[in-house]
C-alpha cells in the first residue's frame, strides 16, 4: 500500500509519499544524498498506515531532511 500524507509544522506544510509492506511503514526525506535517502520506518502497531506515516513525517521534519511544500 502506498499513499501521500501531509503535516503542518510551525506554519509550514510538509508532504511525503509513504509505503506500507508487510506491516512496516516507510517515509523518505527529500533532502540529502539521493542514493542514500533519509528514511523513518516502524511497524503499524494497530494504527492505520496513514496515521503512522504522519508521525514518521514529523520525525523527518524535526531532523531537517524534508523540504516544505510551500518553499
C-alpha atoms as a PDB file:
ATOM      1  CA  UNK A   1       0.000   0.000   0.000  1.00  0.00           C
ATOM      2  CA  UNK A   2       1.228   3.481  -0.831  1.00  0.00           C
ATOM      3  CA  UNK A   3      -0.159   6.950  -0.340  1.00  0.00           C
ATOM      4  CA  UNK A   4       0.627  10.555   0.446  1.00  0.00           C
ATOM      5  CA  UNK A   5       0.450  12.367   3.776  1.00  0.00           C
ATOM      6  CA  UNK A   6       0.984  15.930   4.893  1.00  0.00           C
ATOM      7  CA  UNK A   7       1.649  17.657   8.201  1.00  0.00           C
ATOM      8  CA  UNK A   8       1.842  21.285   9.235  1.00  0.00           C
ATOM      9  CA  UNK A   9       4.766  22.250  11.445  1.00  0.00           C
ATOM     10  CA  UNK A  10       5.309  25.831  12.607  1.00  0.00           C
ATOM     11  CA  UNK A  11       3.018  27.142   9.873  1.00  0.00           C
ATOM     12  CA  UNK A  12       4.727  25.242   7.043  1.00  0.00           C
ATOM     13  CA  UNK A  13       3.233  22.351   5.100  1.00  0.00           C
ATOM     14  CA  UNK A  14       5.293  19.212   4.528  1.00  0.00           C
ATOM     15  CA  UNK A  15       4.259  16.346   2.260  1.00  0.00           C
ATOM     16  CA  UNK A  16       5.663  12.921   1.544  1.00  0.00           C
ATOM     17  CA  UNK A  17       4.809   9.613  -0.001  1.00  0.00           C
ATOM     18  CA  UNK A  18       4.657   6.573   2.258  1.00  0.00           C
ATOM     19  CA  UNK A  19       4.826   2.840   1.612  1.00  0.00           C
ATOM     20  CA  UNK A  20       3.458   0.031   3.777  1.00  0.00           C
ATOM     21  CA  UNK A  21       4.628  -3.503   3.119  1.00  0.00           C
ATOM     22  CA  UNK A  22       4.168  -6.415   5.487  1.00  0.00           C
ATOM     23  CA  UNK A  23       3.042  -4.189   8.347  1.00  0.00           C
ATOM     24  CA  UNK A  24       6.061  -1.843   8.096  1.00  0.00           C
ATOM     25  CA  UNK A  25       5.553   1.813   7.093  1.00  0.00           C
ATOM     26  CA  UNK A  26       8.375   3.796   5.467  1.00  0.00           C
ATOM     27  CA  UNK A  27       8.574   7.537   4.802  1.00  0.00           C
ATOM     28  CA  UNK A  28      11.532   9.100   2.986  1.00  0.00           C
ATOM     29  CA  UNK A  29      13.090  12.549   3.265  1.00  0.00           C
ATOM     30  CA  UNK A  30      13.686  14.518   0.079  1.00  0.00           C
ATOM     31  CA  UNK A  31      16.886  16.355   1.049  1.00  0.00           C
ATOM     32  CA  UNK A  32      20.393  14.961   1.058  1.00  0.00           C
ATOM     33  CA  UNK A  33      22.013  12.188  -0.974  1.00  0.00           C
ATOM     34  CA  UNK A  34      19.515  10.682  -3.464  1.00  0.00           C
ATOM     35  CA  UNK A  35      21.489   7.415  -3.459  1.00  0.00           C
ATOM     36  CA  UNK A  36      21.181   7.086   0.318  1.00  0.00           C
ATOM     37  CA  UNK A  37      17.914   8.775   1.295  1.00  0.00           C
ATOM     38  CA  UNK A  38      16.952   9.547   4.880  1.00  0.00           C
ATOM     39  CA  UNK A  39      14.150   7.256   5.989  1.00  0.00           C
ATOM     40  CA  UNK A  40      11.975   6.677   9.028  1.00  0.00           C
ATOM     41  CA  UNK A  41      10.172   3.375   9.435  1.00  0.00           C
ATOM     42  CA  UNK A  42       8.239   1.401  12.021  1.00  0.00           C
ATOM     43  CA  UNK A  43       5.556  -1.252  12.337  1.00  0.00           C
ATOM     44  CA  UNK A  44       1.869  -0.390  12.296  1.00  0.00           C
ATOM     45  CA  UNK A  45       1.262  -1.336  15.925  1.00  0.00           C
ATOM     46  CA  UNK A  46      -2.510  -1.410  15.446  1.00  0.00           C
ATOM     47  CA  UNK A  47      -2.671   2.007  13.758  1.00  0.00           C
ATOM     48  CA  UNK A  48      -3.662   2.842  10.178  1.00  0.00           C
ATOM     49  CA  UNK A  49      -0.760   3.284   7.717  1.00  0.00           C
ATOM     50  CA  UNK A  50      -1.507   6.974   7.091  1.00  0.00           C
ATOM     51  CA  UNK A  51      -1.542   7.715  10.830  1.00  0.00           C
ATOM     52  CA  UNK A  52       1.866   6.094  11.269  1.00  0.00           C
ATOM     53  CA  UNK A  53       3.164   7.880   8.163  1.00  0.00           C
ATOM     54  CA  UNK A  54       2.234  11.285   9.608  1.00  0.00           C
ATOM     55  CA  UNK A  55       4.176  10.508  12.800  1.00  0.00           C
ATOM     56  CA  UNK A  56       7.183   9.427  10.741  1.00  0.00           C
ATOM     57  CA  UNK A  57       6.952  12.518   8.542  1.00  0.00           C
ATOM     58  CA  UNK A  58       7.033  14.731  11.648  1.00  0.00           C
ATOM     59  CA  UNK A  59      10.223  12.945  12.719  1.00  0.00           C
ATOM     60  CA  UNK A  60      11.804  13.643   9.323  1.00  0.00           C
ATOM     61  CA  UNK A  61      10.789  17.306   9.553  1.00  0.00           C
ATOM     62  CA  UNK A  62      12.380  17.525  13.013  1.00  0.00           C
ATOM     63  CA  UNK A  63      15.582  16.025  11.585  1.00  0.00           C
ATOM     64  CA  UNK A  64      15.550  18.652   8.798  1.00  0.00           C
ATOM     65  CA  UNK A  65      15.544  16.190   5.907  1.00  0.00           C
ATOM     66  CA  UNK A  66      12.219  17.186   4.293  1.00  0.00           C
ATOM     67  CA  UNK A  67      11.624  20.404   2.404  1.00  0.00           C
ATOM     68  CA  UNK A  68       8.444  22.375   2.978  1.00  0.00           C
ATOM     69  CA  UNK A  69       5.876  22.087   0.203  1.00  0.00           C
ATOM     70  CA  UNK A  70       5.344  25.855   0.178  1.00  0.00           C
ATOM     71  CA  UNK A  71       9.044  26.846  -0.050  1.00  0.00           C
END
